[in-house]
N, C-alpha and C. Protein backbone atom coordinates (compact mmCIF):
# COMPACT_ATOMS: atom_id res chain seq x y z
N MET A 1 -19.95 27.05 -78.72
CA MET A 1 -21.03 26.18 -79.04
C MET A 1 -21.75 26.32 -77.63
N LEU A 2 -22.93 26.91 -77.51
CA LEU A 2 -23.66 27.26 -76.30
C LEU A 2 -24.07 25.83 -75.65
N VAL A 3 -24.70 25.00 -76.56
CA VAL A 3 -25.30 23.69 -76.24
C VAL A 3 -24.44 22.61 -76.82
N PRO A 4 -23.90 21.55 -76.22
CA PRO A 4 -23.38 20.43 -76.82
C PRO A 4 -24.50 19.52 -77.34
N PRO A 5 -24.19 18.93 -78.61
CA PRO A 5 -25.08 17.89 -79.44
C PRO A 5 -25.88 17.03 -78.71
N TRP A 6 -25.04 16.49 -77.59
CA TRP A 6 -25.55 15.26 -76.66
C TRP A 6 -26.69 15.57 -75.54
N LEU A 7 -26.69 16.80 -75.25
CA LEU A 7 -27.32 17.33 -73.92
C LEU A 7 -28.88 17.01 -74.32
N GLU A 8 -29.60 17.61 -75.32
CA GLU A 8 -30.87 17.32 -75.54
C GLU A 8 -31.47 15.89 -75.53
N PRO A 9 -30.64 15.09 -76.25
CA PRO A 9 -31.04 13.73 -76.36
C PRO A 9 -30.87 12.99 -74.88
N LEU A 10 -29.85 13.54 -74.04
CA LEU A 10 -29.70 13.05 -72.61
C LEU A 10 -30.81 13.37 -71.89
N LEU A 11 -31.49 14.52 -71.94
CA LEU A 11 -32.31 15.07 -71.05
C LEU A 11 -33.77 14.23 -71.65
N LYS A 12 -33.81 13.83 -72.84
CA LYS A 12 -34.84 13.12 -73.23
C LYS A 12 -35.04 11.44 -73.09
N THR A 13 -33.89 10.94 -72.68
CA THR A 13 -33.67 9.72 -72.65
C THR A 13 -34.25 9.02 -71.11
N THR A 14 -35.06 7.99 -71.39
CA THR A 14 -35.63 7.30 -70.41
C THR A 14 -34.50 6.38 -69.75
N PHE A 15 -34.43 6.27 -68.29
CA PHE A 15 -33.26 5.48 -67.81
C PHE A 15 -34.02 4.60 -66.83
N PHE A 16 -33.18 3.54 -66.25
CA PHE A 16 -33.60 2.54 -65.59
C PHE A 16 -34.64 1.54 -65.95
N ALA A 17 -34.56 1.41 -67.25
CA ALA A 17 -35.32 0.32 -67.94
C ALA A 17 -34.28 -0.76 -67.68
N VAL A 18 -34.94 -2.22 -67.95
CA VAL A 18 -34.08 -3.32 -67.72
C VAL A 18 -33.71 -3.59 -69.26
N CYS A 19 -32.36 -3.94 -69.16
CA CYS A 19 -31.34 -4.03 -70.48
C CYS A 19 -31.95 -5.40 -71.27
N ARG A 20 -32.22 -5.20 -72.24
CA ARG A 20 -32.73 -6.15 -73.24
C ARG A 20 -31.84 -7.24 -73.21
N THR A 21 -30.61 -6.98 -73.50
CA THR A 21 -29.40 -8.19 -73.61
C THR A 21 -28.94 -8.60 -72.24
N HIS A 22 -29.05 -8.01 -71.33
CA HIS A 22 -28.47 -8.52 -70.16
C HIS A 22 -29.44 -8.38 -68.87
N GLY A 23 -30.85 -8.77 -69.25
CA GLY A 23 -31.83 -8.76 -68.38
C GLY A 23 -31.81 -9.44 -67.13
N ALA A 24 -31.18 -10.60 -67.32
CA ALA A 24 -31.05 -11.58 -66.06
C ALA A 24 -29.90 -11.42 -65.20
N ALA A 25 -29.07 -10.36 -65.50
CA ALA A 25 -27.90 -10.09 -64.50
C ALA A 25 -28.17 -9.08 -63.57
N ALA A 26 -27.44 -9.22 -62.69
CA ALA A 26 -27.47 -8.38 -61.47
C ALA A 26 -27.75 -6.95 -61.56
N ARG A 27 -26.72 -6.47 -62.55
CA ARG A 27 -26.96 -4.85 -62.61
C ARG A 27 -27.15 -4.52 -64.26
N SER A 28 -28.39 -4.92 -64.36
CA SER A 28 -29.06 -4.80 -65.66
C SER A 28 -29.75 -3.45 -66.03
N GLU A 29 -29.74 -2.55 -64.91
CA GLU A 29 -30.47 -1.30 -65.16
C GLU A 29 -29.76 -0.50 -66.15
N CYS A 30 -30.31 0.27 -67.05
CA CYS A 30 -29.93 1.25 -68.14
C CYS A 30 -29.72 2.48 -67.43
N ASN A 31 -28.91 2.84 -66.77
CA ASN A 31 -28.51 3.96 -66.05
C ASN A 31 -27.21 4.66 -66.59
N MET A 32 -26.83 4.25 -67.66
CA MET A 32 -25.56 5.13 -68.36
C MET A 32 -25.83 5.76 -69.77
N TYR A 33 -25.08 6.63 -70.03
CA TYR A 33 -25.18 7.24 -71.27
C TYR A 33 -23.74 7.70 -71.71
N CYS A 34 -23.55 7.25 -73.13
CA CYS A 34 -22.48 7.60 -73.84
C CYS A 34 -22.44 8.82 -74.64
N LEU A 35 -21.64 9.96 -74.17
CA LEU A 35 -21.48 11.11 -74.93
C LEU A 35 -20.97 11.04 -76.31
N ASP A 36 -20.23 10.01 -76.52
CA ASP A 36 -19.56 9.84 -77.87
C ASP A 36 -20.79 9.16 -78.96
N CYS A 37 -21.46 8.23 -78.35
CA CYS A 37 -22.46 7.69 -79.50
C CYS A 37 -23.70 8.13 -79.57
N ASN A 38 -24.17 8.89 -78.11
CA ASN A 38 -25.21 9.89 -78.12
C ASN A 38 -26.49 8.94 -78.69
N ILE A 39 -26.61 7.63 -78.24
CA ILE A 39 -27.76 7.05 -78.93
C ILE A 39 -29.03 6.89 -77.65
N ASP A 40 -28.50 5.92 -76.85
CA ASP A 40 -29.59 5.54 -75.86
C ASP A 40 -29.03 5.04 -74.56
N ALA A 41 -29.75 4.94 -73.49
CA ALA A 41 -29.33 4.56 -72.22
C ALA A 41 -28.72 3.03 -72.24
N PHE A 42 -27.92 2.62 -71.51
CA PHE A 42 -27.46 1.02 -71.55
C PHE A 42 -27.01 0.78 -69.98
N CYS A 43 -26.51 -0.41 -69.96
CA CYS A 43 -26.24 -0.84 -68.40
C CYS A 43 -24.70 -1.15 -68.37
N PHE A 44 -24.47 -1.59 -67.16
CA PHE A 44 -23.03 -1.76 -66.78
C PHE A 44 -22.31 -2.50 -67.62
N TYR A 45 -22.95 -3.82 -68.14
CA TYR A 45 -22.34 -4.76 -68.98
C TYR A 45 -22.10 -4.28 -70.35
N CYS A 46 -23.16 -3.30 -70.78
CA CYS A 46 -23.00 -3.06 -72.31
C CYS A 46 -21.84 -2.05 -72.25
N ARG A 47 -21.61 -1.19 -71.16
CA ARG A 47 -20.50 -0.30 -71.19
C ARG A 47 -19.07 -1.08 -71.33
N SER A 48 -19.24 -2.16 -70.87
CA SER A 48 -17.94 -2.95 -70.74
C SER A 48 -17.45 -3.47 -72.10
N THR A 49 -18.60 -3.91 -72.95
CA THR A 49 -18.40 -4.63 -74.21
C THR A 49 -18.41 -3.31 -75.45
N LYS A 50 -19.16 -2.29 -75.36
CA LYS A 50 -19.50 -1.44 -76.59
C LYS A 50 -18.97 -0.21 -76.19
N HIS A 51 -18.63 0.41 -74.87
CA HIS A 51 -18.52 1.73 -74.74
C HIS A 51 -17.08 1.81 -73.74
N LYS A 52 -16.06 0.76 -73.88
CA LYS A 52 -15.06 0.78 -73.18
C LYS A 52 -14.16 1.98 -72.95
N ASP A 53 -13.92 2.71 -74.05
CA ASP A 53 -12.92 3.73 -74.16
C ASP A 53 -13.70 5.15 -74.58
N HIS A 54 -15.05 5.11 -74.03
CA HIS A 54 -15.93 6.19 -74.69
C HIS A 54 -16.15 7.03 -73.35
N GLN A 55 -16.66 8.17 -73.45
CA GLN A 55 -16.88 9.08 -72.46
C GLN A 55 -18.29 8.68 -71.84
N VAL A 56 -18.39 8.27 -70.72
CA VAL A 56 -19.69 7.86 -70.13
C VAL A 56 -20.06 8.58 -68.83
N ILE A 57 -21.25 8.79 -68.79
CA ILE A 57 -21.92 9.32 -67.40
C ILE A 57 -22.75 8.39 -66.64
N GLN A 58 -22.67 8.44 -65.58
CA GLN A 58 -24.00 7.33 -64.94
C GLN A 58 -25.23 8.34 -64.38
N ILE A 59 -26.35 8.00 -64.54
CA ILE A 59 -27.39 8.53 -64.10
C ILE A 59 -27.93 8.05 -62.68
N ARG A 60 -28.36 8.62 -61.82
CA ARG A 60 -28.59 8.08 -60.51
C ARG A 60 -30.13 8.61 -60.29
N ARG A 61 -30.92 8.16 -59.17
CA ARG A 61 -32.25 8.28 -59.04
C ARG A 61 -32.62 8.94 -57.69
N SER A 62 -33.06 9.93 -57.33
CA SER A 62 -33.42 10.51 -56.19
C SER A 62 -34.96 10.95 -56.38
N SER A 63 -35.72 10.53 -55.33
CA SER A 63 -37.09 10.71 -55.46
C SER A 63 -37.78 10.64 -56.53
N TYR A 64 -37.56 9.48 -57.36
CA TYR A 64 -38.07 9.22 -58.64
C TYR A 64 -37.77 10.16 -59.58
N HIS A 65 -36.56 11.06 -59.52
CA HIS A 65 -36.17 11.72 -60.55
C HIS A 65 -34.64 11.77 -60.71
N ASP A 66 -34.14 11.84 -62.13
CA ASP A 66 -32.87 11.45 -62.65
C ASP A 66 -31.85 12.65 -62.20
N VAL A 67 -31.00 12.20 -61.58
CA VAL A 67 -29.70 12.99 -61.15
C VAL A 67 -28.30 12.74 -61.78
N VAL A 68 -27.31 13.50 -61.76
CA VAL A 68 -26.08 13.09 -61.99
C VAL A 68 -25.15 13.83 -61.11
N ARG A 69 -24.10 13.13 -60.78
CA ARG A 69 -23.24 13.54 -59.79
C ARG A 69 -22.23 14.89 -60.52
N VAL A 70 -22.37 15.80 -59.68
CA VAL A 70 -21.57 17.10 -60.16
C VAL A 70 -20.00 16.69 -60.43
N SER A 71 -19.53 15.80 -59.76
CA SER A 71 -18.09 15.61 -60.15
C SER A 71 -17.88 14.83 -61.48
N GLU A 72 -18.88 14.45 -62.17
CA GLU A 72 -19.04 13.93 -63.46
C GLU A 72 -19.31 14.81 -64.47
N ILE A 73 -20.41 15.65 -64.43
CA ILE A 73 -20.78 16.34 -65.27
C ILE A 73 -20.27 17.74 -65.37
N GLU A 74 -19.54 18.23 -64.51
CA GLU A 74 -18.77 19.45 -64.41
C GLU A 74 -17.68 19.37 -65.27
N LYS A 75 -17.17 18.01 -65.49
CA LYS A 75 -16.02 17.84 -66.50
C LYS A 75 -16.41 18.13 -67.90
N VAL A 76 -17.62 18.12 -68.47
CA VAL A 76 -18.10 18.28 -69.77
C VAL A 76 -19.02 19.50 -69.94
N LEU A 77 -19.68 20.02 -68.85
CA LEU A 77 -20.61 21.13 -69.10
C LEU A 77 -20.22 22.22 -68.02
N ASP A 78 -20.49 23.43 -68.22
CA ASP A 78 -20.56 24.66 -67.43
C ASP A 78 -21.79 24.50 -66.67
N ILE A 79 -22.00 24.14 -65.45
CA ILE A 79 -23.00 24.13 -64.67
C ILE A 79 -23.39 25.27 -63.76
N SER A 80 -22.61 26.14 -64.07
CA SER A 80 -23.00 27.42 -63.09
C SER A 80 -24.51 27.87 -63.26
N GLY A 81 -24.88 28.39 -62.19
CA GLY A 81 -26.31 28.82 -62.11
C GLY A 81 -27.48 27.85 -61.94
N VAL A 82 -26.93 26.56 -61.67
CA VAL A 82 -27.86 25.32 -61.58
C VAL A 82 -27.74 24.82 -60.01
N GLN A 83 -28.87 24.82 -59.29
CA GLN A 83 -29.00 24.53 -57.87
C GLN A 83 -28.28 23.07 -57.89
N THR A 84 -27.56 22.87 -56.90
CA THR A 84 -27.02 21.49 -56.57
C THR A 84 -27.57 21.24 -55.13
N TYR A 85 -27.37 19.87 -54.88
CA TYR A 85 -27.89 19.17 -53.66
C TYR A 85 -26.93 18.08 -53.27
N VAL A 86 -26.92 17.93 -51.93
CA VAL A 86 -26.09 16.83 -51.32
C VAL A 86 -27.05 15.71 -50.98
N ILE A 87 -26.83 14.33 -51.65
CA ILE A 87 -27.60 13.51 -51.50
C ILE A 87 -26.88 12.12 -51.24
N ASN A 88 -26.90 11.46 -50.20
CA ASN A 88 -26.00 10.22 -49.93
C ASN A 88 -24.67 10.63 -50.06
N SER A 89 -24.19 11.77 -49.30
CA SER A 89 -22.97 12.20 -49.14
C SER A 89 -22.37 12.80 -50.68
N ALA A 90 -23.15 12.71 -51.54
CA ALA A 90 -22.61 13.11 -53.20
C ALA A 90 -23.38 14.50 -53.41
N ARG A 91 -22.69 15.33 -54.05
CA ARG A 91 -23.29 16.38 -54.68
C ARG A 91 -23.83 16.19 -55.84
N VAL A 92 -25.01 16.40 -56.39
CA VAL A 92 -25.78 16.18 -57.57
C VAL A 92 -26.42 17.33 -58.04
N LEU A 93 -26.95 17.14 -59.11
CA LEU A 93 -28.07 18.30 -59.75
C LEU A 93 -28.89 17.52 -60.53
N PHE A 94 -30.01 17.72 -60.70
CA PHE A 94 -31.26 17.26 -61.45
C PHE A 94 -31.06 17.52 -62.79
N LEU A 95 -31.48 16.38 -63.67
CA LEU A 95 -31.60 16.51 -65.47
C LEU A 95 -32.49 17.57 -65.81
N ASN A 96 -33.91 17.32 -65.27
CA ASN A 96 -35.12 17.98 -65.46
C ASN A 96 -35.66 18.54 -64.46
N GLU A 97 -36.60 19.66 -65.06
CA GLU A 97 -37.44 20.43 -63.86
C GLU A 97 -38.31 19.43 -63.09
N ARG A 98 -38.65 19.69 -61.85
CA ARG A 98 -39.69 18.70 -61.20
C ARG A 98 -40.86 19.62 -60.79
N PRO A 99 -42.06 19.19 -61.21
CA PRO A 99 -43.34 20.04 -60.79
C PRO A 99 -43.40 20.28 -59.40
N GLN A 100 -43.88 21.62 -59.32
CA GLN A 100 -44.02 21.99 -58.08
C GLN A 100 -45.28 22.91 -57.99
N PRO A 101 -46.47 22.28 -57.18
CA PRO A 101 -47.92 22.84 -57.37
C PRO A 101 -47.63 24.27 -57.34
N LYS A 102 -47.22 24.69 -55.80
CA LYS A 102 -47.38 25.97 -55.24
C LYS A 102 -46.01 26.29 -54.70
N THR A 103 -45.51 27.65 -54.78
CA THR A 103 -44.36 28.17 -54.26
C THR A 103 -44.68 28.68 -52.92
N GLY A 104 -43.95 28.05 -51.98
CA GLY A 104 -44.42 28.40 -50.50
C GLY A 104 -44.05 30.15 -50.23
N LYS A 105 -44.50 30.45 -48.96
CA LYS A 105 -44.19 31.76 -48.79
C LYS A 105 -42.89 31.95 -48.33
N GLY A 106 -42.48 33.20 -48.53
CA GLY A 106 -40.93 33.54 -47.73
C GLY A 106 -40.02 32.94 -48.72
N ILE A 107 -40.14 32.62 -49.81
CA ILE A 107 -39.22 32.07 -50.82
C ILE A 107 -38.34 33.30 -51.55
N SER A 108 -37.18 33.35 -51.32
CA SER A 108 -36.42 34.36 -51.92
C SER A 108 -35.80 34.09 -53.34
N HIS A 109 -35.47 32.90 -53.45
CA HIS A 109 -34.95 32.37 -54.90
C HIS A 109 -35.76 31.22 -55.47
N ILE A 110 -36.06 31.70 -56.73
CA ILE A 110 -36.89 30.66 -57.65
C ILE A 110 -36.07 30.47 -58.84
N CYS A 111 -36.48 29.33 -59.53
CA CYS A 111 -35.95 29.25 -60.73
C CYS A 111 -36.66 30.07 -61.95
N GLU A 112 -35.69 30.43 -62.67
CA GLU A 112 -36.31 31.73 -63.68
C GLU A 112 -36.91 31.01 -64.85
N ILE A 113 -37.14 29.57 -64.90
CA ILE A 113 -37.89 29.09 -65.91
C ILE A 113 -39.26 28.40 -65.46
N CYS A 114 -39.05 27.66 -64.31
CA CYS A 114 -40.26 26.84 -63.87
C CYS A 114 -40.84 27.50 -62.35
N SER A 115 -39.90 28.33 -61.96
CA SER A 115 -40.48 29.21 -60.65
C SER A 115 -40.39 28.09 -59.48
N ARG A 116 -39.67 27.33 -59.62
CA ARG A 116 -39.51 26.38 -58.28
C ARG A 116 -38.52 27.05 -57.44
N SER A 117 -38.89 26.84 -55.96
CA SER A 117 -38.09 27.38 -54.99
C SER A 117 -36.78 26.78 -54.95
N LEU A 118 -35.66 27.71 -54.80
CA LEU A 118 -34.33 27.12 -54.58
C LEU A 118 -33.79 27.33 -53.28
N LEU A 119 -32.87 26.74 -53.00
CA LEU A 119 -32.25 26.73 -51.62
C LEU A 119 -31.36 28.01 -51.63
N ASP A 120 -30.60 28.36 -52.53
CA ASP A 120 -29.42 29.41 -52.66
C ASP A 120 -29.67 30.20 -53.78
N THR A 121 -28.62 31.17 -53.95
CA THR A 121 -29.00 32.00 -55.10
C THR A 121 -28.43 31.54 -56.28
N PHE A 122 -29.20 30.53 -56.93
CA PHE A 122 -28.85 29.91 -58.16
C PHE A 122 -29.87 30.54 -59.07
N ARG A 123 -29.94 30.26 -60.36
CA ARG A 123 -30.84 30.71 -61.43
C ARG A 123 -31.71 29.65 -61.86
N PHE A 124 -31.32 28.26 -61.90
CA PHE A 124 -32.13 27.19 -62.39
C PHE A 124 -32.04 26.12 -61.63
N CYS A 125 -33.17 25.31 -61.50
CA CYS A 125 -33.24 24.12 -60.86
C CYS A 125 -32.85 22.66 -61.13
N SER A 126 -32.52 23.01 -62.70
CA SER A 126 -31.78 21.71 -63.31
C SER A 126 -31.17 22.22 -64.73
N LEU A 127 -30.68 21.05 -65.13
CA LEU A 127 -29.85 21.26 -66.41
C LEU A 127 -30.93 21.69 -67.54
N GLY A 128 -32.10 21.10 -67.39
CA GLY A 128 -33.37 21.38 -68.65
C GLY A 128 -33.69 22.78 -68.51
N CYS A 129 -33.92 23.36 -67.19
CA CYS A 129 -34.50 24.50 -67.22
C CYS A 129 -33.17 25.76 -67.77
N LYS A 130 -32.12 25.47 -67.57
CA LYS A 130 -30.87 26.35 -68.10
C LYS A 130 -30.67 26.08 -69.48
N LEU A 131 -31.10 24.86 -70.14
CA LEU A 131 -31.30 24.65 -71.73
C LEU A 131 -32.41 25.54 -72.14
N VAL A 132 -33.38 25.56 -71.64
CA VAL A 132 -34.40 26.37 -71.96
C VAL A 132 -34.36 27.91 -71.93
N ARG A 133 -33.49 28.38 -71.17
CA ARG A 133 -33.07 29.82 -70.83
C ARG A 133 -32.27 30.31 -71.99
N ILE A 134 -31.33 29.39 -72.55
CA ILE A 134 -30.27 29.45 -73.59
C ILE A 134 -30.94 29.67 -74.76
N LYS A 135 -31.89 28.73 -75.10
CA LYS A 135 -32.71 28.72 -76.16
C LYS A 135 -33.37 29.76 -76.46
N ARG A 136 -33.94 30.63 -75.34
CA ARG A 136 -34.92 31.72 -75.35
C ARG A 136 -33.95 33.03 -75.40
N ASN A 137 -33.04 33.21 -74.54
CA ASN A 137 -32.39 34.48 -74.57
C ASN A 137 -30.90 34.33 -74.79
N GLY A 138 -30.26 33.21 -74.55
CA GLY A 138 -28.93 32.97 -75.19
C GLY A 138 -28.01 33.70 -74.04
N ASP A 139 -28.30 34.05 -72.83
CA ASP A 139 -27.61 34.71 -71.93
C ASP A 139 -27.09 33.86 -70.94
N ALA A 140 -27.09 32.39 -71.08
CA ALA A 140 -26.31 31.60 -70.64
C ALA A 140 -25.43 30.44 -71.51
N ASN A 141 -24.89 29.67 -71.13
CA ASN A 141 -24.27 28.64 -71.91
C ASN A 141 -23.58 27.64 -71.07
N PHE A 142 -23.47 26.28 -71.67
CA PHE A 142 -22.95 25.21 -71.05
C PHE A 142 -21.37 24.92 -71.50
N SER A 143 -20.93 25.80 -72.12
CA SER A 143 -19.31 25.70 -72.69
C SER A 143 -18.41 25.84 -71.41
N LEU A 144 -17.49 25.09 -71.44
CA LEU A 144 -16.49 25.18 -70.56
C LEU A 144 -15.48 26.33 -70.51
N ASN A 145 -15.66 27.23 -71.76
CA ASN A 145 -14.82 28.28 -71.79
C ASN A 145 -13.31 28.14 -71.74
N GLY A 146 -13.08 27.37 -72.52
CA GLY A 146 -11.47 26.99 -72.54
C GLY A 146 -10.93 26.57 -71.38
N GLY A 147 -11.54 25.67 -70.69
CA GLY A 147 -11.13 25.13 -69.53
C GLY A 147 -11.10 25.80 -68.19
N LYS A 148 -12.01 26.92 -68.29
CA LYS A 148 -11.94 27.82 -66.97
C LYS A 148 -12.77 26.99 -65.96
N ASN A 149 -13.80 26.07 -66.28
CA ASN A 149 -14.48 25.46 -65.29
C ASN A 149 -13.72 24.28 -64.72
N GLU A 150 -12.77 23.67 -65.78
CA GLU A 150 -11.78 22.70 -65.16
C GLU A 150 -10.80 23.43 -64.17
N ALA A 151 -10.41 24.54 -64.40
CA ALA A 151 -9.57 25.17 -63.49
C ALA A 151 -10.59 25.44 -62.23
N LEU A 152 -11.57 25.79 -62.23
CA LEU A 152 -12.30 25.98 -61.05
C LEU A 152 -12.37 24.62 -60.12
N VAL A 153 -12.58 23.58 -60.87
CA VAL A 153 -12.79 22.38 -60.22
C VAL A 153 -11.41 21.93 -59.61
N GLN A 154 -10.16 22.03 -60.31
CA GLN A 154 -8.95 21.69 -59.93
C GLN A 154 -8.85 22.71 -58.65
N GLU A 155 -9.03 23.91 -58.47
CA GLU A 155 -8.96 24.80 -57.40
C GLU A 155 -9.74 24.44 -56.22
N ARG A 156 -10.91 23.91 -56.59
CA ARG A 156 -11.80 23.28 -55.46
C ARG A 156 -11.10 22.12 -54.84
N ASP A 157 -10.68 21.09 -55.68
CA ASP A 157 -10.19 19.92 -55.17
C ASP A 157 -8.76 20.14 -54.58
N GLU A 158 -8.21 21.19 -54.91
CA GLU A 158 -6.80 21.51 -54.17
C GLU A 158 -7.17 22.11 -52.80
N GLY A 159 -8.23 22.93 -52.75
CA GLY A 159 -8.63 23.63 -51.66
C GLY A 159 -9.02 22.34 -50.55
N ILE A 160 -9.77 21.36 -51.05
CA ILE A 160 -10.23 20.33 -50.34
C ILE A 160 -8.93 19.52 -49.72
N SER A 161 -8.06 19.31 -50.48
CA SER A 161 -6.74 18.34 -50.10
C SER A 161 -6.14 19.26 -48.91
N ARG A 162 -6.07 20.59 -49.20
CA ARG A 162 -5.30 21.47 -48.12
C ARG A 162 -6.15 21.37 -46.80
N ARG A 163 -7.46 21.43 -47.06
CA ARG A 163 -8.13 21.35 -45.72
C ARG A 163 -7.98 19.86 -45.00
N ARG A 164 -7.80 19.12 -45.84
CA ARG A 164 -7.76 17.61 -45.21
C ARG A 164 -6.32 17.51 -44.57
N VAL A 165 -5.42 17.89 -45.29
CA VAL A 165 -3.90 17.93 -44.69
C VAL A 165 -3.83 18.67 -43.39
N THR A 166 -4.54 19.80 -43.38
CA THR A 166 -4.56 20.90 -42.30
C THR A 166 -5.10 20.15 -41.12
N SER A 167 -6.23 19.46 -41.74
CA SER A 167 -7.14 18.73 -40.52
C SER A 167 -6.20 17.53 -40.04
N SER A 168 -5.71 16.79 -40.70
CA SER A 168 -4.96 15.71 -40.39
C SER A 168 -3.48 16.08 -39.46
N SER A 169 -2.89 17.32 -39.95
CA SER A 169 -2.03 17.65 -39.21
C SER A 169 -2.27 18.46 -37.57
N ARG A 170 -3.64 18.94 -37.79
CA ARG A 170 -3.89 19.37 -36.48
C ARG A 170 -4.36 18.21 -35.64
N GLN A 171 -4.92 17.00 -36.15
CA GLN A 171 -5.30 15.85 -35.45
C GLN A 171 -3.91 15.29 -34.80
N GLU A 172 -2.80 15.15 -35.61
CA GLU A 172 -1.76 14.69 -35.23
C GLU A 172 -1.03 15.44 -33.98
N GLU A 173 -1.15 16.83 -34.20
CA GLU A 173 -0.69 17.83 -33.15
C GLU A 173 -1.37 17.65 -31.84
N GLU A 174 -2.70 17.43 -31.97
CA GLU A 174 -3.54 17.17 -30.94
C GLU A 174 -3.11 16.06 -29.97
N GLU A 175 -2.81 14.90 -30.72
CA GLU A 175 -2.55 13.46 -30.13
C GLU A 175 -1.15 13.71 -29.66
N ASP A 176 -0.25 14.49 -30.25
CA ASP A 176 1.22 14.69 -29.45
C ASP A 176 1.09 15.49 -28.15
N ASP A 177 0.13 16.58 -28.24
CA ASP A 177 -0.23 17.25 -26.98
C ASP A 177 -0.66 16.41 -25.99
N ASP A 178 -1.57 15.41 -26.35
CA ASP A 178 -2.17 14.48 -25.45
C ASP A 178 -1.07 13.78 -24.75
N ASP A 179 -0.11 13.43 -25.59
CA ASP A 179 0.94 12.41 -25.04
C ASP A 179 1.54 13.24 -24.18
N GLU A 180 2.16 14.40 -24.57
CA GLU A 180 2.96 15.09 -23.68
C GLU A 180 2.26 15.62 -22.31
N GLU A 181 0.89 15.85 -22.36
CA GLU A 181 0.21 15.96 -21.07
C GLU A 181 0.18 14.95 -20.40
N GLU A 182 -0.12 13.63 -20.76
CA GLU A 182 0.14 12.45 -20.14
C GLU A 182 1.22 12.16 -19.39
N GLU A 183 2.40 12.38 -20.10
CA GLU A 183 3.87 12.30 -19.66
C GLU A 183 3.88 13.43 -18.64
N PHE A 184 3.40 14.53 -18.75
CA PHE A 184 3.48 15.61 -17.70
C PHE A 184 2.93 15.01 -16.36
N ARG A 185 1.71 14.64 -16.47
CA ARG A 185 1.05 14.31 -15.45
C ARG A 185 1.62 13.23 -14.72
N GLU A 186 2.11 12.22 -15.27
CA GLU A 186 3.10 11.03 -14.78
C GLU A 186 4.24 11.47 -13.87
N GLY A 187 4.85 12.65 -14.41
CA GLY A 187 6.03 12.99 -13.88
C GLY A 187 5.55 13.88 -12.67
N LEU A 188 4.69 14.78 -12.77
CA LEU A 188 4.20 15.43 -11.49
C LEU A 188 3.52 14.62 -10.59
N GLN A 189 3.08 13.63 -11.00
CA GLN A 189 2.69 12.51 -9.96
C GLN A 189 3.80 11.93 -9.11
N GLN A 190 4.92 11.75 -9.85
CA GLN A 190 5.94 10.93 -9.21
C GLN A 190 6.53 12.17 -8.47
N ASP A 191 6.57 13.47 -8.71
CA ASP A 191 7.22 14.43 -7.95
C ASP A 191 6.42 14.87 -6.58
N ILE A 192 5.11 14.72 -6.79
CA ILE A 192 4.32 15.09 -5.67
C ILE A 192 4.27 13.86 -4.57
N SER A 193 4.15 12.63 -4.86
CA SER A 193 3.95 11.51 -4.17
C SER A 193 5.26 11.27 -3.23
N PRO A 194 5.13 11.34 -1.92
CA PRO A 194 6.27 11.05 -1.24
C PRO A 194 6.90 9.45 -1.54
N PRO A 195 8.48 9.62 -1.27
CA PRO A 195 8.87 8.19 -1.63
C PRO A 195 8.44 7.30 -0.47
N THR A 196 8.21 5.94 -0.83
CA THR A 196 8.06 4.99 0.08
C THR A 196 9.15 4.76 1.03
N PRO A 197 8.88 4.83 2.43
CA PRO A 197 9.91 4.79 3.28
C PRO A 197 10.33 3.35 3.44
N PRO A 198 11.71 3.22 3.81
CA PRO A 198 12.19 1.65 3.88
C PRO A 198 11.73 0.97 5.00
N PRO A 199 11.71 -0.23 4.83
CA PRO A 199 10.96 -1.18 5.87
C PRO A 199 11.95 -1.10 7.24
N PRO A 200 11.54 -0.87 8.17
CA PRO A 200 12.19 -0.93 9.72
C PRO A 200 13.01 -2.10 9.75
N PRO A 201 14.11 -1.94 10.31
CA PRO A 201 15.17 -3.15 10.62
C PRO A 201 14.43 -4.25 11.31
N SER A 202 14.74 -5.53 11.17
CA SER A 202 14.21 -6.55 11.75
C SER A 202 14.67 -6.61 13.26
N ASN A 203 14.11 -7.21 14.20
CA ASN A 203 14.41 -7.12 15.63
C ASN A 203 14.70 -8.67 15.83
N ALA A 204 14.77 -9.50 14.78
CA ALA A 204 14.84 -11.05 15.01
C ALA A 204 15.98 -11.15 15.75
N ARG A 205 17.37 -10.75 15.17
CA ARG A 205 18.43 -11.22 15.79
C ARG A 205 19.15 -10.25 16.62
N ARG A 206 18.52 -9.22 17.22
CA ARG A 206 18.96 -8.23 18.07
C ARG A 206 19.43 -8.86 19.51
N ARG A 207 20.44 -8.81 20.32
CA ARG A 207 21.03 -9.27 21.43
C ARG A 207 20.35 -8.55 22.56
N LYS A 208 19.67 -9.46 23.34
CA LYS A 208 19.00 -8.75 24.58
C LYS A 208 20.13 -8.03 25.50
N GLY A 209 19.92 -7.10 26.29
CA GLY A 209 21.00 -6.55 27.28
C GLY A 209 20.89 -7.33 28.65
N ILE A 210 21.75 -7.06 29.62
CA ILE A 210 21.89 -7.92 30.83
C ILE A 210 20.60 -7.41 31.61
N PRO A 211 19.74 -8.22 32.25
CA PRO A 211 18.60 -7.79 32.98
C PRO A 211 19.19 -7.32 34.30
N HIS A 212 18.25 -6.20 34.68
CA HIS A 212 18.63 -5.57 35.81
C HIS A 212 17.28 -5.59 36.87
N ARG A 213 17.53 -6.00 38.19
CA ARG A 213 16.34 -5.95 38.92
C ARG A 213 16.17 -4.60 39.60
N ALA A 214 14.99 -4.40 39.97
CA ALA A 214 14.82 -3.19 40.47
C ALA A 214 15.20 -3.21 42.06
N PRO A 215 15.83 -2.27 42.64
CA PRO A 215 16.11 -2.49 44.02
C PRO A 215 14.85 -2.56 45.08
N PHE A 216 15.10 -3.22 46.13
CA PHE A 216 13.98 -3.41 47.10
C PHE A 216 13.72 -2.29 47.92
N GLY A 217 12.76 -1.80 48.23
CA GLY A 217 12.47 -0.73 48.99
C GLY A 217 12.40 -1.18 50.64
N PHE A 218 13.08 -0.33 51.50
CA PHE A 218 12.98 -0.66 53.07
C PHE A 218 11.98 0.24 53.64
């Protein structure tokens, strides 16, 4: 299956409307979508009551456009070829294409569907553009290929974990080196600094000798 049945309804759904049931609540924005029910957007409270054990993804917004975190969507879709961005310390991708009046000069990478300029060597600017390409030519797909994408995700996560461990170990080694250097400096200071001489003996109780008068001269 090149395209899952829930993808097109997801891309056509309107998000961030106020929930009709929980409109007075604090988190009443309809920014979630259930891949099992495949009906409409819903809010945080609807998820707790109607979609508790379902597969749900959360939609976010960047510059008035709908985005989804890569860490969520890559579990259910092969997102290869789609440009990703880092927004608020999270890697995301856009659901649908964004109009671009004119492509700037010197742009080497553009979307194959809408000709939007891309930052890297990707083929599409959004999931919607990749979907259009699949319908036209069928030379791409959203299938995870028997877990191949999940393996890549796991490999990436393991690589991140290894980098974190290495960074932590390096930091600990640097802290140990700083402690050793500080101890070396203290020891060196003790070796270089001359010892404090003992105080001179007190003369308070020393007996005076017998006085001698100078002889008179004639």
